[in-house]
All heavy atoms as atom14 arrays in JSON, in Angstrom:
{
  "sequence": "AAASRDRNCLVVSTDPAHSLGDIFDRPIG",
  "atom14_mask": [
    [1, 1, 1, 1, 1, 0, 0, 0, 0, 0, 0, 0, 0, 0],
    [1, 1, 1, 1, 1, 0, 0, 0, 0, 0, 0, 0, 0, 0],
    [1, 1, 1, 1, 1, 0, 0, 0, 0, 0, 0, 0, 0, 0],
    [1, 1, 1, 1, 1, 1, 0, 0, 0, 0, 0, 0, 0, 0],
    [1, 1, 1, 1, 1, 1, 1, 1, 1, 1, 1, 0, 0, 0],
    [1, 1, 1, 1, 1, 1, 1, 1, 0, 0, 0, 0, 0, 0],
    [1, 1, 1, 1, 1, 1, 1, 1, 1, 1, 1, 0, 0, 0],
    [1, 1, 1, 1, 1, 1, 1, 1, 0, 0, 0, 0, 0, 0],
    [1, 1, 1, 1, 1, 1, 0, 0, 0, 0, 0, 0, 0, 0],
    [1, 1, 1, 1, 1, 1, 1, 1, 0, 0, 0, 0, 0, 0],
    [1, 1, 1, 1, 1, 1, 1, 0, 0, 0, 0, 0, 0, 0],
    [1, 1, 1, 1, 1, 1, 1, 0, 0, 0, 0, 0, 0, 0],
    [1, 1, 1, 1, 1, 1, 0, 0, 0, 0, 0, 0, 0, 0],
    [1, 1, 1, 1, 1, 1, 1, 0, 0, 0, 0, 0, 0, 0],
    [1, 1, 1, 1, 1, 1, 1, 1, 0, 0, 0, 0, 0, 0],
    [1, 1, 1, 1, 1, 1, 1, 0, 0, 0, 0, 0, 0, 0],
    [1, 1, 1, 1, 1, 0, 0, 0, 0, 0, 0, 0, 0, 0],
    [1, 1, 1, 1, 1, 1, 1, 1, 1, 1, 0, 0, 0, 0],
    [1, 1, 1, 1, 1, 1, 0, 0, 0, 0, 0, 0, 0, 0],
    [1, 1, 1, 1, 1, 1, 1, 1, 0, 0, 0, 0, 0, 0],
    [1, 1, 1, 1, 0, 0, 0, 0, 0, 0, 0, 0, 0, 0],
    [1, 1, 1, 1, 1, 1, 1, 1, 0, 0, 0, 0, 0, 0],
    [1, 1, 1, 1, 1, 1, 1, 1, 0, 0, 0, 0, 0, 0],
    [1, 1, 1, 1, 1, 1, 1, 1, 1, 1, 1, 0, 0, 0],
    [1, 1, 1, 1, 1, 1, 1, 1, 0, 0, 0, 0, 0, 0],
    [1, 1, 1, 1, 1, 1, 1, 1, 1, 1, 1, 0, 0, 0],
    [1, 1, 1, 1, 1, 1, 1, 0, 0, 0, 0, 0, 0, 0],
    [1, 1, 1, 1, 1, 1, 1, 1, 0, 0, 0, 0, 0, 0],
    [1, 1, 1, 1, 0, 0, 0, 0, 0, 0, 0, 0, 0, 0]
  ],
  "atom14_positions": [
    [[84.21, 74.28, 131.19], [85.46, 73.96, 131.95], [85.25, 72.79, 132.83], [86.09, 71.88, 132.91], [85.86, 75.14, 132.67], [0.0, 0.0, 0.0], [0.0, 0.0, 0.0], [0.0, 0.0, 0.0], [0.0, 0.0, 0.0], [0.0, 0.0, 0.0], [0.0, 0.0, 0.0], [0.0, 0.0, 0.0], [0.0, 0.0, 0.0], [0.0, 0.0, 0.0]],
    [[84.05, 72.61, 133.44], [83.69, 71.49, 134.4], [83.6, 70.19, 133.51], [84.18, 69.17, 133.86], [82.41, 71.74, 135.14], [0.0, 0.0, 0.0], [0.0, 0.0, 0.0], [0.0, 0.0, 0.0], [0.0, 0.0, 0.0], [0.0, 0.0, 0.0], [0.0, 0.0, 0.0], [0.0, 0.0, 0.0], [0.0, 0.0, 0.0], [0.0, 0.0, 0.0]],
    [[82.9, 70.32, 132.35], [82.64, 69.12, 131.56], [83.88, 68.53, 130.95], [84.04, 67.42, 130.71], [81.64, 69.44, 130.46], [0.0, 0.0, 0.0], [0.0, 0.0, 0.0], [0.0, 0.0, 0.0], [0.0, 0.0, 0.0], [0.0, 0.0, 0.0], [0.0, 0.0, 0.0], [0.0, 0.0, 0.0], [0.0, 0.0, 0.0], [0.0, 0.0, 0.0]],
    [[84.93, 69.42, 130.63], [86.07, 69.08, 129.89], [87.01, 68.25, 130.74], [88.1, 67.76, 130.28], [86.76, 70.31, 129.33], [87.34, 71.1, 130.37], [0.0, 0.0, 0.0], [0.0, 0.0, 0.0], [0.0, 0.0, 0.0], [0.0, 0.0, 0.0], [0.0, 0.0, 0.0], [0.0, 0.0, 0.0], [0.0, 0.0, 0.0], [0.0, 0.0, 0.0]],
    [[86.69, 68.05, 132.02], [87.61, 67.26, 132.89], [87.62, 65.83, 132.42], [88.69, 65.08, 132.46], [87.09, 67.21, 134.35], [87.27, 68.59, 135.04], [86.68, 68.5, 136.39], [85.26, 68.32, 136.37], [84.48, 68.31, 137.45], [84.94, 68.48, 138.64], [83.14, 68.2, 137.36], [0.0, 0.0, 0.0], [0.0, 0.0, 0.0], [0.0, 0.0, 0.0]],
    [[86.5, 65.34, 131.84], [86.45, 63.96, 131.39], [85.89, 63.74, 129.98], [85.57, 62.51, 129.71], [85.66, 63.09, 132.42], [84.27, 63.64, 132.68], [83.89, 64.53, 131.9], [83.67, 63.24, 133.61], [0.0, 0.0, 0.0], [0.0, 0.0, 0.0], [0.0, 0.0, 0.0], [0.0, 0.0, 0.0], [0.0, 0.0, 0.0], [0.0, 0.0, 0.0]],
    [[85.72, 64.73, 129.17], [85.24, 64.51, 127.89], [85.56, 65.77, 126.94], [85.82, 66.79, 127.43], [83.77, 64.28, 127.78], [82.94, 65.36, 128.37], [81.5, 64.92, 128.5], [80.96, 65.37, 129.73], [79.66, 65.35, 129.99], [78.8, 65.1, 129.07], [79.19, 65.74, 131.17], [0.0, 0.0, 0.0], [0.0, 0.0, 0.0], [0.0, 0.0, 0.0]],
    [[85.61, 65.5, 125.59], [85.87, 66.55, 124.67], [84.7, 67.46, 124.63], [83.55, 67.05, 124.42], [86.15, 65.89, 123.37], [87.55, 65.19, 123.26], [88.45, 65.6, 123.89], [87.54, 64.13, 122.41], [0.0, 0.0, 0.0], [0.0, 0.0, 0.0], [0.0, 0.0, 0.0], [0.0, 0.0, 0.0], [0.0, 0.0, 0.0], [0.0, 0.0, 0.0]],
    [[84.91, 68.75, 124.74], [83.83, 69.69, 124.82], [84.22, 70.95, 123.91], [85.35, 71.3, 123.74], [83.73, 70.17, 126.24], [82.41, 71.42, 126.56], [0.0, 0.0, 0.0], [0.0, 0.0, 0.0], [0.0, 0.0, 0.0], [0.0, 0.0, 0.0], [0.0, 0.0, 0.0], [0.0, 0.0, 0.0], [0.0, 0.0, 0.0], [0.0, 0.0, 0.0]],
    [[83.17, 71.5, 123.29], [83.31, 72.75, 122.47], [82.32, 73.71, 123.04], [81.22, 73.41, 123.26], [82.93, 72.47, 121.11], [82.88, 73.68, 120.15], [84.2, 74.3, 119.89], [82.25, 73.36, 118.79], [0.0, 0.0, 0.0], [0.0, 0.0, 0.0], [0.0, 0.0, 0.0], [0.0, 0.0, 0.0], [0.0, 0.0, 0.0], [0.0, 0.0, 0.0]],
    [[82.86, 74.93, 123.41], [81.99, 76.07, 123.82], [81.96, 77.12, 122.77], [82.95, 77.5, 122.23], [82.44, 76.55, 125.3], [83.88, 77.15, 125.11], [81.47, 77.63, 125.69], [0.0, 0.0, 0.0], [0.0, 0.0, 0.0], [0.0, 0.0, 0.0], [0.0, 0.0, 0.0], [0.0, 0.0, 0.0], [0.0, 0.0, 0.0], [0.0, 0.0, 0.0]],
    [[80.71, 77.48, 122.41], [80.5, 78.32, 121.2], [79.76, 79.54, 121.66], [78.64, 79.48, 122.27], [79.67, 77.56, 120.14], [79.54, 78.48, 118.91], [80.34, 76.29, 119.78], [0.0, 0.0, 0.0], [0.0, 0.0, 0.0], [0.0, 0.0, 0.0], [0.0, 0.0, 0.0], [0.0, 0.0, 0.0], [0.0, 0.0, 0.0], [0.0, 0.0, 0.0]],
    [[80.25, 80.74, 121.3], [79.53, 82.01, 121.53], [78.78, 82.41, 120.18], [79.41, 82.48, 119.14], [80.47, 83.1, 121.93], [79.75, 84.4, 121.97], [0.0, 0.0, 0.0], [0.0, 0.0, 0.0], [0.0, 0.0, 0.0], [0.0, 0.0, 0.0], [0.0, 0.0, 0.0], [0.0, 0.0, 0.0], [0.0, 0.0, 0.0], [0.0, 0.0, 0.0]],
    [[77.48, 82.59, 120.35], [76.62, 83.03, 119.22], [76.27, 84.5, 119.41], [75.37, 85.03, 118.62], [75.43, 82.21, 118.96], [74.54, 82.26, 120.07], [75.88, 80.67, 118.81], [0.0, 0.0, 0.0], [0.0, 0.0, 0.0], [0.0, 0.0, 0.0], [0.0, 0.0, 0.0], [0.0, 0.0, 0.0], [0.0, 0.0, 0.0], [0.0, 0.0, 0.0]],
    [[76.61, 85.08, 120.49], [76.2, 86.44, 120.8], [77.18, 87.37, 120.0], [78.38, 87.29, 120.13], [76.4, 86.66, 122.27], [75.81, 88.1, 122.7], [75.69, 88.96, 121.87], [75.56, 88.24, 123.9], [0.0, 0.0, 0.0], [0.0, 0.0, 0.0], [0.0, 0.0, 0.0], [0.0, 0.0, 0.0], [0.0, 0.0, 0.0], [0.0, 0.0, 0.0]],
    [[76.6, 88.33, 119.23], [77.53, 89.24, 118.41], [78.48, 90.08, 119.29], [79.56, 90.35, 118.86], [76.5, 90.2, 117.72], [75.26, 89.4, 117.62], [75.18, 88.55, 118.86], [0.0, 0.0, 0.0], [0.0, 0.0, 0.0], [0.0, 0.0, 0.0], [0.0, 0.0, 0.0], [0.0, 0.0, 0.0], [0.0, 0.0, 0.0], [0.0, 0.0, 0.0]],
    [[78.03, 90.4, 120.55], [78.97, 91.04, 121.49], [79.79, 89.96, 122.29], [79.46, 89.67, 123.47], [78.12, 91.84, 122.42], [0.0, 0.0, 0.0], [0.0, 0.0, 0.0], [0.0, 0.0, 0.0], [0.0, 0.0, 0.0], [0.0, 0.0, 0.0], [0.0, 0.0, 0.0], [0.0, 0.0, 0.0], [0.0, 0.0, 0.0], [0.0, 0.0, 0.0]],
    [[80.71, 89.43, 121.59], [81.47, 88.3, 122.19], [82.23, 88.72, 123.41], [82.92, 89.76, 123.4], [82.45, 87.77, 121.16], [81.78, 87.08, 119.94], [80.84, 86.07, 120.07], [81.85, 87.46, 118.67], [80.44, 85.69, 118.81], [81.04, 86.6, 117.96], [0.0, 0.0, 0.0], [0.0, 0.0, 0.0], [0.0, 0.0, 0.0], [0.0, 0.0, 0.0]],
    [[82.21, 87.88, 124.44], [83.2, 88.07, 125.6], [83.68, 86.75, 125.99], [84.42, 86.71, 127.09], [82.32, 88.73, 126.75], [81.2, 87.99, 127.05], [0.0, 0.0, 0.0], [0.0, 0.0, 0.0], [0.0, 0.0, 0.0], [0.0, 0.0, 0.0], [0.0, 0.0, 0.0], [0.0, 0.0, 0.0], [0.0, 0.0, 0.0], [0.0, 0.0, 0.0]],
    [[83.57, 85.65, 125.27], [84.04, 84.44, 125.71], [85.56, 84.41, 125.76], [86.21, 83.93, 126.75], [83.64, 83.35, 124.62], [83.74, 81.78, 125.0], [82.91, 81.48, 126.24], [83.41, 80.92, 123.86], [0.0, 0.0, 0.0], [0.0, 0.0, 0.0], [0.0, 0.0, 0.0], [0.0, 0.0, 0.0], [0.0, 0.0, 0.0], [0.0, 0.0, 0.0]],
    [[86.19, 85.04, 124.75], [87.73, 85.12, 124.84], [88.21, 85.94, 125.99], [89.14, 85.59, 126.65], [0.0, 0.0, 0.0], [0.0, 0.0, 0.0], [0.0, 0.0, 0.0], [0.0, 0.0, 0.0], [0.0, 0.0, 0.0], [0.0, 0.0, 0.0], [0.0, 0.0, 0.0], [0.0, 0.0, 0.0], [0.0, 0.0, 0.0], [0.0, 0.0, 0.0]],
    [[87.45, 86.96, 126.38], [87.75, 87.79, 127.64], [87.78, 86.99, 128.77], [88.64, 87.12, 129.67], [86.9, 88.99, 127.7], [86.99, 89.96, 126.47], [88.13, 89.99, 125.88], [85.99, 90.66, 126.14], [0.0, 0.0, 0.0], [0.0, 0.0, 0.0], [0.0, 0.0, 0.0], [0.0, 0.0, 0.0], [0.0, 0.0, 0.0], [0.0, 0.0, 0.0]],
    [[86.76, 86.11, 128.95], [86.54, 85.34, 130.16], [87.65, 84.26, 130.19], [88.14, 84.0, 131.39], [85.18, 84.71, 130.14], [84.13, 85.77, 130.52], [85.06, 83.55, 131.1], [82.69, 85.31, 130.37], [0.0, 0.0, 0.0], [0.0, 0.0, 0.0], [0.0, 0.0, 0.0], [0.0, 0.0, 0.0], [0.0, 0.0, 0.0], [0.0, 0.0, 0.0]],
    [[88.07, 83.67, 129.14], [89.15, 82.69, 129.14], [90.49, 83.39, 129.1], [91.56, 82.65, 129.12], [89.07, 81.69, 127.92], [88.13, 80.59, 128.23], [86.77, 80.7, 127.77], [88.49, 79.47, 129.0], [85.87, 79.6, 127.93], [87.58, 78.48, 129.23], [86.27, 78.52, 128.77], [0.0, 0.0, 0.0], [0.0, 0.0, 0.0], [0.0, 0.0, 0.0]],
    [[90.61, 84.74, 129.03], [91.9, 85.46, 129.0], [92.74, 85.1, 127.82], [93.92, 84.97, 127.94], [92.67, 85.25, 130.27], [92.26, 86.18, 131.42], [91.68, 87.14, 131.08], [92.58, 85.92, 132.53], [0.0, 0.0, 0.0], [0.0, 0.0, 0.0], [0.0, 0.0, 0.0], [0.0, 0.0, 0.0], [0.0, 0.0, 0.0], [0.0, 0.0, 0.0]],
    [[92.14, 84.85, 126.7], [92.82, 84.56, 125.45], [91.99, 84.89, 124.19], [90.74, 84.72, 124.25], [93.4, 83.19, 125.52], [92.29, 82.09, 125.57], [92.89, 80.7, 125.67], [93.9, 80.46, 124.7], [94.64, 79.43, 124.67], [94.67, 78.58, 125.75], [95.58, 79.18, 123.7], [0.0, 0.0, 0.0], [0.0, 0.0, 0.0], [0.0, 0.0, 0.0]],
    [[92.51, 85.22, 123.15], [91.72, 85.42, 121.94], [91.13, 84.06, 121.4], [91.83, 83.05, 121.35], [92.7, 86.08, 120.97], [94.06, 85.61, 121.37], [93.9, 85.54, 122.9], [0.0, 0.0, 0.0], [0.0, 0.0, 0.0], [0.0, 0.0, 0.0], [0.0, 0.0, 0.0], [0.0, 0.0, 0.0], [0.0, 0.0, 0.0], [0.0, 0.0, 0.0]],
    [[89.86, 84.18, 120.86], [89.32, 83.03, 120.3], [88.98, 83.27, 118.83], [89.63, 82.63, 117.99], [88.06, 82.63, 121.14], [88.46, 82.15, 122.55], [87.32, 81.42, 120.42], [87.38, 81.77, 123.46], [0.0, 0.0, 0.0], [0.0, 0.0, 0.0], [0.0, 0.0, 0.0], [0.0, 0.0, 0.0], [0.0, 0.0, 0.0], [0.0, 0.0, 0.0]],
    [[87.95, 84.11, 118.58], [87.68, 84.36, 117.15], [86.89, 83.33, 116.48], [86.24, 82.39, 117.11], [0.0, 0.0, 0.0], [0.0, 0.0, 0.0], [0.0, 0.0, 0.0], [0.0, 0.0, 0.0], [0.0, 0.0, 0.0], [0.0, 0.0, 0.0], [0.0, 0.0, 0.0], [0.0, 0.0, 0.0], [0.0, 0.0, 0.0], [0.0, 0.0, 0.0]]
  ]
}
């Protein structure tokens, strides 16, 4: 979130127990 202020950024979850979508309050998949 900090880096995306001034550049294109991709955040990737490789943990089978995903919680990235929960933290962003939206489904990712």
